[in-house]
Amino acid sequence: MPDGKPAGVRCVQLDDDLRCRIFGRPERPACCSGLQPAADMCGASRDDALAWLTRLEVATRPAAPLRADAVR
């Protein structure tokens, strides 16, 4: 994803088993390889982990640009 992965969009590098196709390879983005999961992030289930990742994506999503007609 040359322009980055937007929040809420499935990564194109995930295979059918939800495993990263480029894990451990040099082309893996720094934001992915720098993510260090911990027990509280993973939770007790896949749903817990996805909920954490969703909150992380929302918290780090760039703000939408203001529309020209919205500025007065």
C-alpha atoms as a PDB file:
ATOM      1  CA  MET A   1       0.000   0.000   0.000  1.00  0.00           C
ATOM      2  CA  PRO A   2       2.262   2.759  -1.301  1.00  0.00           C
ATOM      3  CA  ASP A   3       0.266   5.598   0.294  1.00  0.00           C
ATOM      4  CA  GLY A   4      -0.223   3.791   3.593  1.00  0.00           C
ATOM      5  CA  LYS A   5      -3.157   1.795   4.900  1.00  0.00           C
ATOM      6  CA  PRO A   6      -6.209   3.867   5.762  1.00  0.00           C
ATOM      7  CA  ALA A   7      -7.910   3.123   9.073  1.00  0.00           C
ATOM      8  CA  GLY A   8     -10.553   0.436   8.722  1.00  0.00           C
ATOM      9  CA  VAL A   9      -9.124  -0.968   5.484  1.00  0.00           C
ATOM     10  CA  ARG A  10      -7.782  -4.519   5.462  1.00  0.00           C
ATOM     11  CA  CYS A  11      -4.068  -4.671   4.681  1.00  0.00           C
ATOM     12  CA  VAL A  12      -3.397  -6.061   1.208  1.00  0.00           C
ATOM     13  CA  GLN A  13      -0.523  -8.106   2.643  1.00  0.00           C
ATOM     14  CA  LEU A  14      -2.808 -10.352   4.731  1.00  0.00           C
ATOM     15  CA  ASP A  15      -3.321 -13.824   3.328  1.00  0.00           C
ATOM     16  CA  ASP A  16      -6.470 -15.965   3.687  1.00  0.00           C
ATOM     17  CA  ASP A  17      -5.288 -17.084   7.148  1.00  0.00           C
ATOM     18  CA  LEU A  18      -4.819 -13.421   8.204  1.00  0.00           C
ATOM     19  CA  ARG A  19      -1.042 -13.793   8.264  1.00  0.00           C
ATOM     20  CA  CYS A  20       1.283 -11.112   6.956  1.00  0.00           C
ATOM     21  CA  ARG A  21       2.844 -12.117   3.632  1.00  0.00           C
ATOM     22  CA  ILE A  22       5.858  -9.836   4.198  1.00  0.00           C
ATOM     23  CA  PHE A  23       6.511 -10.527   7.906  1.00  0.00           C
ATOM     24  CA  GLY A  24      10.247 -10.385   8.604  1.00  0.00           C
ATOM     25  CA  ARG A  25      11.072  -9.000   5.154  1.00  0.00           C
ATOM     26  CA  PRO A  26      12.774  -5.650   4.539  1.00  0.00           C
ATOM     27  CA  GLU A  27       9.811  -4.236   2.605  1.00  0.00           C
ATOM     28  CA  ARG A  28       7.548  -4.542   5.663  1.00  0.00           C
ATOM     29  CA  PRO A  29       6.610  -0.997   6.754  1.00  0.00           C
ATOM     30  CA  ALA A  30       8.261   0.405   9.879  1.00  0.00           C
ATOM     31  CA  CYS A  31       4.858   1.021  11.488  1.00  0.00           C
ATOM     32  CA  CYS A  32       4.177  -2.716  11.285  1.00  0.00           C
ATOM     33  CA  SER A  33       7.571  -4.001  12.357  1.00  0.00           C
ATOM     34  CA  GLY A  34       7.691  -1.439  15.173  1.00  0.00           C
ATOM     35  CA  LEU A  35       4.391  -2.593  16.657  1.00  0.00           C
ATOM     36  CA  GLN A  36       5.220  -4.617  19.763  1.00  0.00           C
ATOM     37  CA  PRO A  37       2.058  -6.375  20.959  1.00  0.00           C
ATOM     38  CA  ALA A  38       1.595  -7.012  24.665  1.00  0.00           C
ATOM     39  CA  ALA A  39      -0.873  -9.178  26.574  1.00  0.00           C
ATOM     40  CA  ASP A  40      -3.274  -6.272  27.182  1.00  0.00           C
ATOM     41  CA  MET A  41      -3.264  -5.476  23.464  1.00  0.00           C
ATOM     42  CA  CYS A  42      -3.975  -9.051  22.399  1.00  0.00           C
ATOM     43  CA  GLY A  43      -6.604  -9.716  25.065  1.00  0.00           C
ATOM     44  CA  ALA A  44      -8.203 -13.114  25.370  1.00  0.00           C
ATOM     45  CA  SER A  45      -9.408 -13.481  21.789  1.00  0.00           C
ATOM     46  CA  ARG A  46      -9.036 -12.339  18.202  1.00  0.00           C
ATOM     47  CA  ASP A  47     -12.011 -10.021  18.744  1.00  0.00           C
ATOM     48  CA  ASP A  48     -10.202  -8.382  21.698  1.00  0.00           C
ATOM     49  CA  ALA A  49      -7.104  -7.820  19.557  1.00  0.00           C
ATOM     50  CA  LEU A  50      -9.133  -6.398  16.658  1.00  0.00           C
ATOM     51  CA  ALA A  51     -10.970  -4.042  19.020  1.00  0.00           C
ATOM     52  CA  TRP A  52      -7.602  -2.743  20.289  1.00  0.00           C
ATOM     53  CA  LEU A  53      -6.308  -2.267  16.745  1.00  0.00           C
ATOM     54  CA  THR A  54      -9.504  -0.446  15.776  1.00  0.00           C
ATOM     55  CA  ARG A  55      -9.076   1.976  18.695  1.00  0.00           C
ATOM     56  CA  LEU A  56      -5.432   2.480  17.703  1.00  0.00           C
ATOM     57  CA  GLU A  57      -6.382   3.224  14.086  1.00  0.00           C
ATOM     58  CA  VAL A  58      -9.085   5.701  15.148  1.00  0.00           C
ATOM     59  CA  ALA A  59      -6.716   7.454  17.556  1.00  0.00           C
ATOM     60  CA  THR A  60      -3.987   7.847  14.926  1.00  0.00           C
ATOM     61  CA  ARG A  61      -6.151   8.585  11.883  1.00  0.00           C
ATOM     62  CA  PRO A  62      -5.246  11.908  10.223  1.00  0.00           C
ATOM     63  CA  ALA A  63      -7.845  14.627  10.585  1.00  0.00           C
ATOM     64  CA  ALA A  64     -10.026  15.176   7.550  1.00  0.00           C
ATOM     65  CA  PRO A  65      -9.125  18.377   5.681  1.00  0.00           C
ATOM     66  CA  LEU A  66     -11.582  21.243   6.000  1.00  0.00           C
ATOM     67  CA  ARG A  67     -13.779  21.828   2.977  1.00  0.00           C
ATOM     68  CA  ALA A  68     -13.397  25.269   1.423  1.00  0.00           C
ATOM     69  CA  ASP A  69     -17.138  25.913   1.706  1.00  0.00           C
ATOM     70  CA  ALA A  70     -17.054  25.105   5.448  1.00  0.00           C
ATOM     71  CA  VAL A  71     -14.619  27.935   6.256  1.00  0.00           C
ATOM     72  CA  ARG A  72     -16.199  31.343   6.884  1.00  0.00           C
END
